[in-house]
Amino acid sequence: LDYVEKVQRGIEQLNTMVKNLLDLGRLEAGLELMKSPVRLDSLADAVLRDLSPMAEESGVELVLNAPNKMPYLNLDNALMRQAIVNLVTNAIKYAPESGRITLSVYRQPAPNGLVGEEIVASVADNGPGIPPEEMTRLFEKFHRVQHRANIKVKGSGLGLAIVKLVAERHDGRAWAESELDKGSTFYISVPSIPVDFANL
């Protein structure tokens, strides 16, 4: 039985890597995004419902912190969903038995003096945190954080690279904040340009 379970886990990891490589290739090739009206608060809620069994197995609670009636944005629903899934699953894998993981969706002023607002989705955990020397390489392809707390965690090192590319293809950004032994927060943001339904 243990052998069968190991084979199944190996197949699942291989399938995930193949999907990530395909997503990465599509993003890097600059293929046209399949955009449609999307609300990030609704998308975040759906992601947490889908990932709640995984969270329960890892001993963490998923919490959504998002106001109702966020604006509809013109986004690639599948890619944006994948980006948020990647952030939440990373938090679950790297911060098991750590209490609460909070997915927040909110507005904030656009960065660097740009006009307008951006919509941000952030994922905060209470895990072991990330060494300062690793912070600059977090979103590189195939890079995995070297830390004693995650030595047994399986992964391809592609998840955060996909998050960064999804953000950039939507004229947004991705970044992270962390402190050792105090947890990490990962962010993805997109410009808040509400859909003009009258011109669809």
N, C-alpha and C. Protein backbone atom coordinates (compact mmCIF):
# COMPACT_ATOMS: atom_id res chain seq x y z
N LEU A 1 0.83 -1.21 0.00
CA LEU A 1 0.00 0.00 0.00
C LEU A 1 0.87 1.26 0.00
N ASP A 2 1.92 1.26 0.83
CA ASP A 2 2.82 2.41 0.87
C ASP A 2 3.46 2.64 -0.49
N TYR A 3 3.83 1.54 -1.15
CA TYR A 3 4.46 1.66 -2.47
C TYR A 3 3.49 2.28 -3.47
N VAL A 4 2.23 1.83 -3.45
CA VAL A 4 1.22 2.37 -4.37
C VAL A 4 1.01 3.85 -4.11
N GLU A 5 0.95 4.23 -2.84
CA GLU A 5 0.76 5.64 -2.49
C GLU A 5 1.93 6.48 -2.97
N LYS A 6 3.14 5.95 -2.85
CA LYS A 6 4.32 6.69 -3.32
C LYS A 6 4.28 6.87 -4.83
N VAL A 7 3.85 5.82 -5.55
CA VAL A 7 3.73 5.92 -7.01
C VAL A 7 2.68 6.96 -7.38
N GLN A 8 1.54 6.94 -6.68
CA GLN A 8 0.48 7.90 -6.96
C GLN A 8 0.95 9.33 -6.71
N ARG A 9 1.66 9.53 -5.62
CA ARG A 9 2.17 10.86 -5.32
C ARG A 9 3.17 11.31 -6.39
N GLY A 10 4.00 10.37 -6.84
CA GLY A 10 4.96 10.68 -7.89
C GLY A 10 4.27 11.09 -9.19
N ILE A 11 3.20 10.38 -9.54
CA ILE A 11 2.43 10.71 -10.75
C ILE A 11 1.80 12.09 -10.61
N GLU A 12 1.23 12.37 -9.44
CA GLU A 12 0.62 13.68 -9.21
C GLU A 12 1.64 14.80 -9.33
N GLN A 13 2.83 14.58 -8.78
CA GLN A 13 3.88 15.60 -8.86
C GLN A 13 4.33 15.81 -10.30
N LEU A 14 4.42 14.71 -11.07
CA LEU A 14 4.81 14.81 -12.47
C LEU A 14 3.74 15.56 -13.27
N ASN A 15 2.47 15.25 -13.02
CA ASN A 15 1.37 15.94 -13.71
C ASN A 15 1.39 17.44 -13.41
N THR A 16 1.65 17.76 -12.15
CA THR A 16 1.71 19.17 -11.75
C THR A 16 2.86 19.88 -12.44
N MET A 17 4.01 19.21 -12.53
CA MET A 17 5.15 19.83 -13.19
C MET A 17 4.89 20.06 -14.67
N VAL A 18 4.27 19.08 -15.33
CA VAL A 18 3.95 19.21 -16.75
C VAL A 18 3.00 20.39 -16.97
N LYS A 19 1.97 20.47 -16.14
CA LYS A 19 1.01 21.58 -16.26
C LYS A 19 1.70 22.92 -16.04
N ASN A 20 2.56 22.97 -15.02
CA ASN A 20 3.28 24.22 -14.75
C ASN A 20 4.18 24.61 -15.92
N LEU A 21 4.84 23.63 -16.51
CA LEU A 21 5.71 23.92 -17.67
C LEU A 21 4.90 24.43 -18.85
N LEU A 22 3.72 23.84 -19.06
CA LEU A 22 2.85 24.30 -20.15
C LEU A 22 2.37 25.73 -19.90
N ASP A 23 1.95 26.00 -18.66
CA ASP A 23 1.51 27.36 -18.32
C ASP A 23 2.65 28.35 -18.49
N LEU A 24 3.83 27.96 -18.04
CA LEU A 24 5.00 28.84 -18.13
C LEU A 24 5.33 29.11 -19.60
N GLY A 25 5.30 28.06 -20.42
CA GLY A 25 5.59 28.23 -21.84
C GLY A 25 4.60 29.15 -22.52
N ARG A 26 3.33 29.01 -22.19
CA ARG A 26 2.30 29.88 -22.75
C ARG A 26 2.53 31.34 -22.36
N LEU A 27 2.88 31.56 -21.10
CA LEU A 27 3.11 32.93 -20.64
C LEU A 27 4.36 33.54 -21.27
N GLU A 28 5.42 32.75 -21.32
CA GLU A 28 6.68 33.26 -21.88
C GLU A 28 6.58 33.49 -23.38
N ALA A 29 5.74 32.70 -24.06
CA ALA A 29 5.57 32.86 -25.50
C ALA A 29 4.73 34.07 -25.85
N GLY A 30 4.10 34.66 -24.85
CA GLY A 30 3.29 35.85 -25.10
C GLY A 30 1.98 35.56 -25.79
N LEU A 31 1.47 34.32 -25.66
CA LEU A 31 0.20 34.00 -26.29
C LEU A 31 -0.91 34.86 -25.71
N GLU A 32 -1.91 35.13 -26.51
CA GLU A 32 -2.99 36.02 -26.10
C GLU A 32 -3.72 35.47 -24.88
N LEU A 33 -3.98 36.35 -23.93
CA LEU A 33 -4.72 35.94 -22.74
C LEU A 33 -6.20 35.77 -23.08
N MET A 34 -6.84 34.81 -22.42
CA MET A 34 -8.27 34.55 -22.61
C MET A 34 -9.03 35.35 -21.55
N LYS A 35 -9.23 36.64 -21.82
CA LYS A 35 -9.77 37.53 -20.80
C LYS A 35 -11.30 37.51 -20.77
N SER A 36 -11.83 37.70 -19.57
CA SER A 36 -13.27 37.81 -19.35
C SER A 36 -13.48 38.56 -18.05
N PRO A 37 -14.69 39.04 -17.76
CA PRO A 37 -14.93 39.76 -16.50
C PRO A 37 -14.78 38.83 -15.29
N VAL A 38 -13.90 39.22 -14.36
CA VAL A 38 -13.59 38.40 -13.18
C VAL A 38 -13.57 39.29 -11.95
N ARG A 39 -14.14 38.80 -10.85
CA ARG A 39 -14.02 39.47 -9.55
C ARG A 39 -13.04 38.68 -8.70
N LEU A 40 -11.97 39.34 -8.25
CA LEU A 40 -10.94 38.61 -7.50
C LEU A 40 -11.45 38.10 -6.16
N ASP A 41 -12.42 38.77 -5.55
CA ASP A 41 -12.94 38.26 -4.29
C ASP A 41 -13.69 36.95 -4.50
N SER A 42 -14.48 36.86 -5.57
CA SER A 42 -15.20 35.62 -5.88
C SER A 42 -14.23 34.51 -6.24
N LEU A 43 -13.21 34.85 -7.01
CA LEU A 43 -12.20 33.87 -7.40
C LEU A 43 -11.46 33.34 -6.18
N ALA A 44 -11.10 34.24 -5.27
CA ALA A 44 -10.40 33.83 -4.05
C ALA A 44 -11.26 32.90 -3.20
N ASP A 45 -12.54 33.21 -3.09
CA ASP A 45 -13.45 32.36 -2.32
C ASP A 45 -13.52 30.95 -2.91
N ALA A 46 -13.61 30.87 -4.23
CA ALA A 46 -13.68 29.56 -4.89
C ALA A 46 -12.40 28.76 -4.68
N VAL A 47 -11.25 29.44 -4.73
CA VAL A 47 -9.97 28.76 -4.52
C VAL A 47 -9.89 28.18 -3.11
N LEU A 48 -10.29 28.94 -2.12
CA LEU A 48 -10.22 28.44 -0.74
C LEU A 48 -11.15 27.26 -0.52
N ARG A 49 -12.33 27.29 -1.13
CA ARG A 49 -13.24 26.15 -0.98
C ARG A 49 -12.63 24.89 -1.60
N ASP A 50 -11.98 25.05 -2.75
CA ASP A 50 -11.37 23.89 -3.41
C ASP A 50 -10.19 23.34 -2.62
N LEU A 51 -9.45 24.22 -1.95
CA LEU A 51 -8.23 23.79 -1.26
C LEU A 51 -8.45 23.46 0.21
N SER A 52 -9.67 23.60 0.70
CA SER A 52 -9.91 23.34 2.13
C SER A 52 -9.58 21.91 2.55
N PRO A 53 -9.85 20.87 1.73
CA PRO A 53 -9.45 19.52 2.15
C PRO A 53 -7.93 19.39 2.33
N MET A 54 -7.17 19.98 1.42
CA MET A 54 -5.71 19.95 1.52
C MET A 54 -5.25 20.66 2.79
N ALA A 55 -5.90 21.78 3.10
CA ALA A 55 -5.53 22.54 4.29
C ALA A 55 -5.83 21.74 5.55
N GLU A 56 -6.99 21.08 5.59
CA GLU A 56 -7.36 20.29 6.76
C GLU A 56 -6.35 19.17 7.01
N GLU A 57 -5.91 18.53 5.93
CA GLU A 57 -4.91 17.46 6.07
C GLU A 57 -3.59 17.99 6.63
N SER A 58 -3.29 19.26 6.34
CA SER A 58 -2.04 19.85 6.80
C SER A 58 -2.18 20.58 8.13
N GLY A 59 -3.39 20.55 8.69
CA GLY A 59 -3.58 21.15 10.00
C GLY A 59 -3.60 22.66 10.02
N VAL A 60 -4.08 23.27 8.93
CA VAL A 60 -4.19 24.73 8.90
C VAL A 60 -5.62 25.14 8.54
N GLU A 61 -5.98 26.35 8.94
CA GLU A 61 -7.29 26.91 8.65
C GLU A 61 -7.15 27.97 7.57
N LEU A 62 -7.97 27.89 6.53
CA LEU A 62 -7.97 28.90 5.48
C LEU A 62 -9.03 29.94 5.78
N VAL A 63 -8.63 31.21 5.72
CA VAL A 63 -9.54 32.31 6.03
C VAL A 63 -9.53 33.30 4.87
N LEU A 64 -10.71 33.74 4.46
CA LEU A 64 -10.82 34.76 3.41
C LEU A 64 -11.13 36.10 4.04
N ASN A 65 -10.35 37.10 3.67
CA ASN A 65 -10.57 38.47 4.14
C ASN A 65 -10.75 39.34 2.90
N ALA A 66 -12.00 39.56 2.51
CA ALA A 66 -12.27 40.32 1.29
C ALA A 66 -13.62 41.01 1.38
N PRO A 67 -13.69 42.27 0.98
CA PRO A 67 -14.98 42.97 0.97
C PRO A 67 -15.85 42.44 -0.16
N ASN A 68 -17.13 42.57 -0.01
CA ASN A 68 -18.04 42.18 -1.08
C ASN A 68 -18.01 43.23 -2.19
N LYS A 69 -18.44 42.80 -3.35
CA LYS A 69 -18.64 43.70 -4.49
C LYS A 69 -17.36 44.41 -4.93
N MET A 70 -16.29 43.64 -5.04
CA MET A 70 -15.10 44.18 -5.70
C MET A 70 -15.43 44.34 -7.18
N PRO A 71 -14.72 45.21 -7.89
CA PRO A 71 -15.07 45.44 -9.30
C PRO A 71 -14.74 44.24 -10.18
N TYR A 72 -15.49 44.10 -11.25
CA TYR A 72 -15.14 43.12 -12.29
C TYR A 72 -13.95 43.68 -13.07
N LEU A 73 -12.92 42.84 -13.24
CA LEU A 73 -11.74 43.22 -14.02
C LEU A 73 -11.62 42.30 -15.22
N ASN A 74 -10.97 42.78 -16.26
CA ASN A 74 -10.81 41.99 -17.47
C ASN A 74 -9.53 41.16 -17.35
N LEU A 75 -9.71 39.89 -16.90
CA LEU A 75 -8.56 39.04 -16.57
C LEU A 75 -8.69 37.68 -17.25
N ASP A 76 -7.56 36.99 -17.36
CA ASP A 76 -7.58 35.59 -17.78
C ASP A 76 -7.92 34.78 -16.53
N ASN A 77 -9.15 34.32 -16.45
CA ASN A 77 -9.65 33.67 -15.23
C ASN A 77 -8.79 32.45 -14.86
N ALA A 78 -8.47 31.61 -15.83
CA ALA A 78 -7.73 30.37 -15.55
C ALA A 78 -6.33 30.67 -15.01
N LEU A 79 -5.65 31.63 -15.63
CA LEU A 79 -4.29 31.95 -15.20
C LEU A 79 -4.28 32.65 -13.84
N MET A 80 -5.22 33.57 -13.64
CA MET A 80 -5.26 34.26 -12.36
C MET A 80 -5.62 33.29 -11.24
N ARG A 81 -6.52 32.37 -11.54
CA ARG A 81 -6.87 31.34 -10.56
C ARG A 81 -5.64 30.50 -10.23
N GLN A 82 -4.88 30.10 -11.26
CA GLN A 82 -3.69 29.29 -11.04
C GLN A 82 -2.68 30.02 -10.17
N ALA A 83 -2.54 31.32 -10.38
CA ALA A 83 -1.59 32.10 -9.59
C ALA A 83 -1.99 32.10 -8.12
N ILE A 84 -3.27 32.30 -7.84
CA ILE A 84 -3.72 32.33 -6.45
C ILE A 84 -3.63 30.93 -5.83
N VAL A 85 -3.99 29.90 -6.62
CA VAL A 85 -3.83 28.52 -6.14
C VAL A 85 -2.37 28.25 -5.77
N ASN A 86 -1.45 28.68 -6.61
CA ASN A 86 -0.03 28.46 -6.33
C ASN A 86 0.38 29.09 -5.00
N LEU A 87 -0.09 30.32 -4.75
CA LEU A 87 0.29 31.00 -3.51
C LEU A 87 -0.30 30.29 -2.29
N VAL A 88 -1.55 29.87 -2.39
CA VAL A 88 -2.19 29.23 -1.23
C VAL A 88 -1.59 27.84 -0.99
N THR A 89 -1.39 27.06 -2.06
CA THR A 89 -0.83 25.72 -1.87
C THR A 89 0.60 25.81 -1.33
N ASN A 90 1.37 26.80 -1.77
CA ASN A 90 2.71 26.99 -1.20
C ASN A 90 2.63 27.23 0.30
N ALA A 91 1.70 28.08 0.71
CA ALA A 91 1.55 28.38 2.14
C ALA A 91 1.18 27.11 2.91
N ILE A 92 0.29 26.31 2.34
CA ILE A 92 -0.12 25.07 3.01
C ILE A 92 1.07 24.12 3.12
N LYS A 93 1.84 23.98 2.04
CA LYS A 93 2.96 23.03 2.03
C LYS A 93 4.10 23.46 2.95
N TYR A 94 4.40 24.76 2.93
CA TYR A 94 5.58 25.23 3.64
C TYR A 94 5.28 25.69 5.07
N ALA A 95 3.99 25.77 5.42
CA ALA A 95 3.64 26.20 6.78
C ALA A 95 2.59 25.28 7.38
N PRO A 96 2.82 23.95 7.37
CA PRO A 96 1.83 23.04 7.96
C PRO A 96 1.75 23.21 9.47
N GLU A 97 0.58 22.86 10.02
CA GLU A 97 0.38 22.94 11.47
C GLU A 97 0.74 24.31 12.02
N SER A 98 0.46 25.36 11.25
CA SER A 98 0.87 26.71 11.67
C SER A 98 -0.32 27.61 12.00
N GLY A 99 -1.49 27.01 12.15
CA GLY A 99 -2.64 27.81 12.55
C GLY A 99 -3.46 28.29 11.37
N ARG A 100 -3.27 29.52 10.99
CA ARG A 100 -4.15 30.15 10.01
C ARG A 100 -3.39 30.66 8.80
N ILE A 101 -3.97 30.46 7.64
CA ILE A 101 -3.50 31.07 6.39
C ILE A 101 -4.60 31.99 5.90
N THR A 102 -4.27 33.25 5.69
CA THR A 102 -5.28 34.25 5.33
C THR A 102 -5.07 34.74 3.90
N LEU A 103 -6.11 34.59 3.09
CA LEU A 103 -6.12 35.12 1.73
C LEU A 103 -6.95 36.41 1.75
N SER A 104 -6.30 37.52 1.48
CA SER A 104 -6.96 38.83 1.50
C SER A 104 -7.04 39.41 0.10
N VAL A 105 -8.13 40.10 -0.19
CA VAL A 105 -8.29 40.82 -1.45
C VAL A 105 -8.70 42.24 -1.11
N TYR A 106 -7.97 43.22 -1.64
CA TYR A 106 -8.25 44.61 -1.25
C TYR A 106 -7.73 45.57 -2.32
N ARG A 107 -8.15 46.82 -2.21
CA ARG A 107 -7.67 47.89 -3.09
C ARG A 107 -6.57 48.67 -2.38
N GLN A 108 -5.67 49.22 -3.17
CA GLN A 108 -4.70 50.16 -2.62
C GLN A 108 -4.22 51.08 -3.74
N PRO A 109 -3.65 52.24 -3.40
CA PRO A 109 -3.16 53.15 -4.45
C PRO A 109 -2.12 52.46 -5.32
N ALA A 110 -2.13 52.79 -6.59
CA ALA A 110 -1.15 52.23 -7.52
C ALA A 110 0.26 52.64 -7.09
N PRO A 111 1.27 51.79 -7.34
CA PRO A 111 2.63 52.06 -6.86
C PRO A 111 3.37 53.09 -7.71
N ASN A 112 4.44 53.58 -7.16
CA ASN A 112 5.39 54.45 -7.90
C ASN A 112 4.73 55.67 -8.49
N GLY A 113 3.77 56.23 -7.79
CA GLY A 113 3.16 57.47 -8.24
C GLY A 113 2.22 57.32 -9.42
N LEU A 114 1.89 56.09 -9.82
CA LEU A 114 0.96 55.90 -10.92
C LEU A 114 -0.45 56.31 -10.50
N VAL A 115 -1.23 56.74 -11.46
CA VAL A 115 -2.59 57.18 -11.17
C VAL A 115 -3.49 55.97 -10.98
N GLY A 116 -4.46 56.08 -10.09
CA GLY A 116 -5.45 55.03 -9.93
C GLY A 116 -5.14 54.07 -8.79
N GLU A 117 -5.77 52.91 -8.85
CA GLU A 117 -5.63 51.91 -7.80
C GLU A 117 -5.22 50.57 -8.40
N GLU A 118 -4.80 49.67 -7.53
CA GLU A 118 -4.59 48.29 -7.92
C GLU A 118 -5.38 47.40 -6.97
N ILE A 119 -5.75 46.22 -7.47
CA ILE A 119 -6.41 45.23 -6.65
C ILE A 119 -5.36 44.19 -6.29
N VAL A 120 -5.24 43.90 -5.00
CA VAL A 120 -4.20 43.01 -4.49
C VAL A 120 -4.83 41.76 -3.89
N ALA A 121 -4.24 40.61 -4.19
CA ALA A 121 -4.55 39.37 -3.47
C ALA A 121 -3.28 38.98 -2.72
N SER A 122 -3.41 38.81 -1.41
CA SER A 122 -2.24 38.43 -0.60
C SER A 122 -2.53 37.17 0.18
N VAL A 123 -1.48 36.37 0.39
CA VAL A 123 -1.59 35.13 1.15
C VAL A 123 -0.58 35.19 2.29
N ALA A 124 -1.08 35.22 3.52
CA ALA A 124 -0.22 35.34 4.71
C ALA A 124 -0.25 34.06 5.52
N ASP A 125 0.93 33.58 5.92
CA ASP A 125 1.01 32.38 6.75
C ASP A 125 1.80 32.67 8.02
N ASN A 126 1.78 31.71 8.93
CA ASN A 126 2.53 31.81 10.18
C ASN A 126 3.64 30.76 10.23
N GLY A 127 4.22 30.50 9.06
CA GLY A 127 5.23 29.47 8.94
C GLY A 127 6.61 29.92 9.37
N PRO A 128 7.64 29.18 8.94
CA PRO A 128 9.01 29.43 9.40
C PRO A 128 9.66 30.68 8.82
N GLY A 129 9.03 31.27 7.80
CA GLY A 129 9.65 32.44 7.18
C GLY A 129 10.73 32.06 6.18
N ILE A 130 11.28 33.07 5.53
CA ILE A 130 12.26 32.86 4.45
C ILE A 130 13.54 33.62 4.80
N PRO A 131 14.70 32.97 4.66
CA PRO A 131 15.96 33.66 4.94
C PRO A 131 16.12 34.91 4.06
N PRO A 132 16.63 36.01 4.60
CA PRO A 132 16.76 37.25 3.83
C PRO A 132 17.52 37.08 2.51
N GLU A 133 18.55 36.23 2.52
CA GLU A 133 19.36 36.05 1.30
C GLU A 133 18.60 35.35 0.18
N GLU A 134 17.46 34.74 0.50
CA GLU A 134 16.66 34.04 -0.51
C GLU A 134 15.61 34.94 -1.15
N MET A 135 15.32 36.07 -0.54
CA MET A 135 14.18 36.88 -0.96
C MET A 135 14.28 37.37 -2.42
N THR A 136 15.48 37.68 -2.87
CA THR A 136 15.63 38.24 -4.22
C THR A 136 15.44 37.20 -5.32
N ARG A 137 15.48 35.91 -4.96
CA ARG A 137 15.39 34.86 -5.98
C ARG A 137 14.07 34.09 -5.93
N LEU A 138 13.14 34.52 -5.10
CA LEU A 138 11.91 33.76 -4.88
C LEU A 138 11.15 33.45 -6.16
N PHE A 139 11.10 34.39 -7.09
CA PHE A 139 10.26 34.25 -8.28
C PHE A 139 11.03 33.76 -9.50
N GLU A 140 12.26 33.28 -9.29
CA GLU A 140 13.03 32.72 -10.40
C GLU A 140 12.56 31.30 -10.73
N LYS A 141 12.62 30.95 -12.00
CA LYS A 141 12.27 29.59 -12.41
C LYS A 141 13.20 28.58 -11.76
N PHE A 142 12.62 27.49 -11.29
CA PHE A 142 13.33 26.34 -10.73
C PHE A 142 14.08 26.63 -9.43
N HIS A 143 13.94 27.84 -8.91
CA HIS A 143 14.61 28.12 -7.63
C HIS A 143 13.72 27.70 -6.47
N ARG A 144 14.30 26.99 -5.52
CA ARG A 144 13.58 26.59 -4.32
C ARG A 144 14.34 27.09 -3.10
N VAL A 145 13.60 27.64 -2.16
CA VAL A 145 14.21 28.22 -0.96
C VAL A 145 14.94 27.14 -0.18
N GLN A 146 16.17 27.44 0.21
CA GLN A 146 16.97 26.52 1.01
C GLN A 146 16.81 26.88 2.48
N HIS A 147 16.10 26.02 3.20
CA HIS A 147 15.86 26.26 4.61
C HIS A 147 15.59 24.93 5.28
N ARG A 148 16.07 24.77 6.48
CA ARG A 148 15.94 23.48 7.18
C ARG A 148 14.48 23.06 7.34
N ALA A 149 13.56 24.05 7.41
CA ALA A 149 12.16 23.74 7.67
C ALA A 149 11.45 23.11 6.47
N ASN A 150 12.00 23.29 5.25
CA ASN A 150 11.29 22.78 4.07
C ASN A 150 12.08 21.74 3.29
N ILE A 151 13.06 21.14 3.95
CA ILE A 151 13.94 20.21 3.24
C ILE A 151 13.18 19.02 2.65
N LYS A 152 12.06 18.64 3.28
CA LYS A 152 11.30 17.48 2.81
C LYS A 152 10.13 17.85 1.91
N VAL A 153 9.92 19.13 1.68
CA VAL A 153 8.78 19.57 0.86
C VAL A 153 9.11 19.38 -0.62
N LYS A 154 8.18 18.69 -1.33
CA LYS A 154 8.38 18.45 -2.76
C LYS A 154 7.86 19.63 -3.57
N GLY A 155 8.53 19.93 -4.68
CA GLY A 155 8.08 21.02 -5.54
C GLY A 155 8.98 21.15 -6.76
N SER A 156 8.47 21.87 -7.75
CA SER A 156 9.21 22.02 -9.01
C SER A 156 9.98 23.32 -9.10
N GLY A 157 9.67 24.27 -8.22
CA GLY A 157 10.32 25.57 -8.32
C GLY A 157 9.74 26.42 -9.44
N LEU A 158 8.53 26.09 -9.90
CA LEU A 158 7.90 26.84 -11.00
C LEU A 158 6.71 27.67 -10.55
N GLY A 159 6.14 27.34 -9.40
CA GLY A 159 4.90 27.98 -8.98
C GLY A 159 4.98 29.49 -8.87
N LEU A 160 6.02 29.99 -8.22
CA LEU A 160 6.14 31.44 -8.04
C LEU A 160 6.55 32.14 -9.34
N ALA A 161 7.31 31.45 -10.19
CA ALA A 161 7.64 32.03 -11.50
C ALA A 161 6.37 32.26 -12.31
N ILE A 162 5.43 31.33 -12.21
CA ILE A 162 4.14 31.47 -12.90
C ILE A 162 3.37 32.64 -12.31
N VAL A 163 3.36 32.77 -10.99
CA VAL A 163 2.67 33.90 -10.35
C VAL A 163 3.21 35.23 -10.89
N LYS A 164 4.52 35.34 -10.97
CA LYS A 164 5.14 36.59 -11.44
C LYS A 164 4.76 36.88 -12.89
N LEU A 165 4.80 35.85 -13.75
CA LEU A 165 4.47 36.06 -15.15
C LEU A 165 2.99 36.38 -15.35
N VAL A 166 2.12 35.74 -14.57
CA VAL A 166 0.68 36.05 -14.65
C VAL A 166 0.46 37.51 -14.29
N ALA A 167 1.11 37.96 -13.22
CA ALA A 167 0.98 39.36 -12.81
C ALA A 167 1.46 40.30 -13.92
N GLU A 168 2.64 40.02 -14.46
CA GLU A 168 3.21 40.91 -15.47
C GLU A 168 2.39 40.94 -16.75
N ARG A 169 1.82 39.79 -17.15
CA ARG A 169 0.99 39.76 -18.35
C ARG A 169 -0.30 40.56 -18.17
N HIS A 170 -0.68 40.80 -16.92
CA HIS A 170 -1.86 41.62 -16.64
C HIS A 170 -1.46 43.04 -16.22
N ASP A 171 -0.22 43.43 -16.53
CA ASP A 171 0.32 44.75 -16.18
C ASP A 171 0.33 44.98 -14.67
N GLY A 172 0.51 43.89 -13.94
CA GLY A 172 0.57 43.97 -12.48
C GLY A 172 1.93 43.58 -11.97
N ARG A 173 1.98 43.13 -10.73
CA ARG A 173 3.27 42.80 -10.12
C ARG A 173 3.08 41.72 -9.06
N ALA A 174 4.19 41.10 -8.67
CA ALA A 174 4.19 40.09 -7.61
C ALA A 174 5.38 40.34 -6.72
N TRP A 175 5.18 40.18 -5.41
CA TRP A 175 6.27 40.39 -4.47
C TRP A 175 5.99 39.64 -3.17
N ALA A 176 6.94 39.68 -2.26
CA ALA A 176 6.79 38.94 -1.01
C ALA A 176 7.46 39.69 0.13
N GLU A 177 6.97 39.41 1.33
CA GLU A 177 7.58 39.92 2.56
C GLU A 177 7.68 38.76 3.54
N SER A 178 8.76 38.70 4.28
CA SER A 178 8.91 37.58 5.21
C SER A 178 9.90 37.93 6.31
N GLU A 179 9.71 37.24 7.44
CA GLU A 179 10.64 37.37 8.55
C GLU A 179 10.80 35.99 9.17
N LEU A 180 12.03 35.59 9.39
CA LEU A 180 12.28 34.26 9.93
C LEU A 180 11.51 34.04 11.23
N ASP A 181 10.87 32.88 11.31
CA ASP A 181 10.10 32.45 12.48
C ASP A 181 8.83 33.28 12.71
N LYS A 182 8.49 34.14 11.74
CA LYS A 182 7.28 34.96 11.92
C LYS A 182 6.36 34.90 10.71
N GLY A 183 6.67 34.04 9.75
CA GLY A 183 5.77 33.86 8.63
C GLY A 183 6.12 34.68 7.40
N SER A 184 5.30 34.47 6.36
CA SER A 184 5.53 35.12 5.07
C SER A 184 4.19 35.59 4.50
N THR A 185 4.27 36.63 3.67
CA THR A 185 3.11 37.08 2.92
C THR A 185 3.51 37.27 1.47
N PHE A 186 2.76 36.65 0.57
CA PHE A 186 3.00 36.78 -0.87
C PHE A 186 1.86 37.57 -1.49
N TYR A 187 2.20 38.39 -2.48
CA TYR A 187 1.24 39.31 -3.08
C TYR A 187 1.23 39.18 -4.60
N ILE A 188 0.04 39.33 -5.18
CA ILE A 188 -0.09 39.54 -6.61
C ILE A 188 -1.11 40.66 -6.80
N SER A 189 -0.80 41.60 -7.70
CA SER A 189 -1.71 42.72 -7.90
C SER A 189 -1.92 42.97 -9.39
N VAL A 190 -3.06 43.56 -9.70
CA VAL A 190 -3.39 43.96 -11.07
C VAL A 190 -4.02 45.35 -11.02
N PRO A 191 -3.89 46.14 -12.08
CA PRO A 191 -4.51 47.47 -12.09
C PRO A 191 -6.02 47.36 -11.93
N SER A 192 -6.59 48.29 -11.18
CA SER A 192 -8.04 48.31 -11.00
C SER A 192 -8.67 49.12 -12.13
N ILE A 193 -8.96 48.40 -13.20
CA ILE A 193 -9.63 49.02 -14.36
C ILE A 193 -10.94 48.26 -14.56
N PRO A 194 -12.03 48.75 -13.94
CA PRO A 194 -13.30 48.02 -14.00
C PRO A 194 -13.76 47.77 -15.43
N VAL A 195 -14.41 46.63 -15.64
CA VAL A 195 -14.93 46.28 -16.96
C VAL A 195 -16.05 47.24 -17.34
N ASP A 196 -16.01 47.72 -18.57
CA ASP A 196 -17.09 48.55 -19.11
C ASP A 196 -18.07 47.62 -19.83
N PHE A 197 -19.08 47.15 -19.11
CA PHE A 197 -20.01 46.18 -19.67
C PHE A 197 -20.77 46.74 -20.86
N ALA A 198 -20.91 48.03 -20.94
CA ALA A 198 -21.66 48.63 -22.04
C ALA A 198 -20.96 48.45 -23.37
N ASN A 199 -19.64 48.25 -23.31
CA ASN A 199 -18.86 48.12 -24.55
C ASN A 199 -18.38 46.70 -24.80
N LEU A 200 -18.91 45.73 -24.04
CA LEU A 200 -18.52 44.34 -24.30
C LEU A 200 -19.20 43.81 -25.54
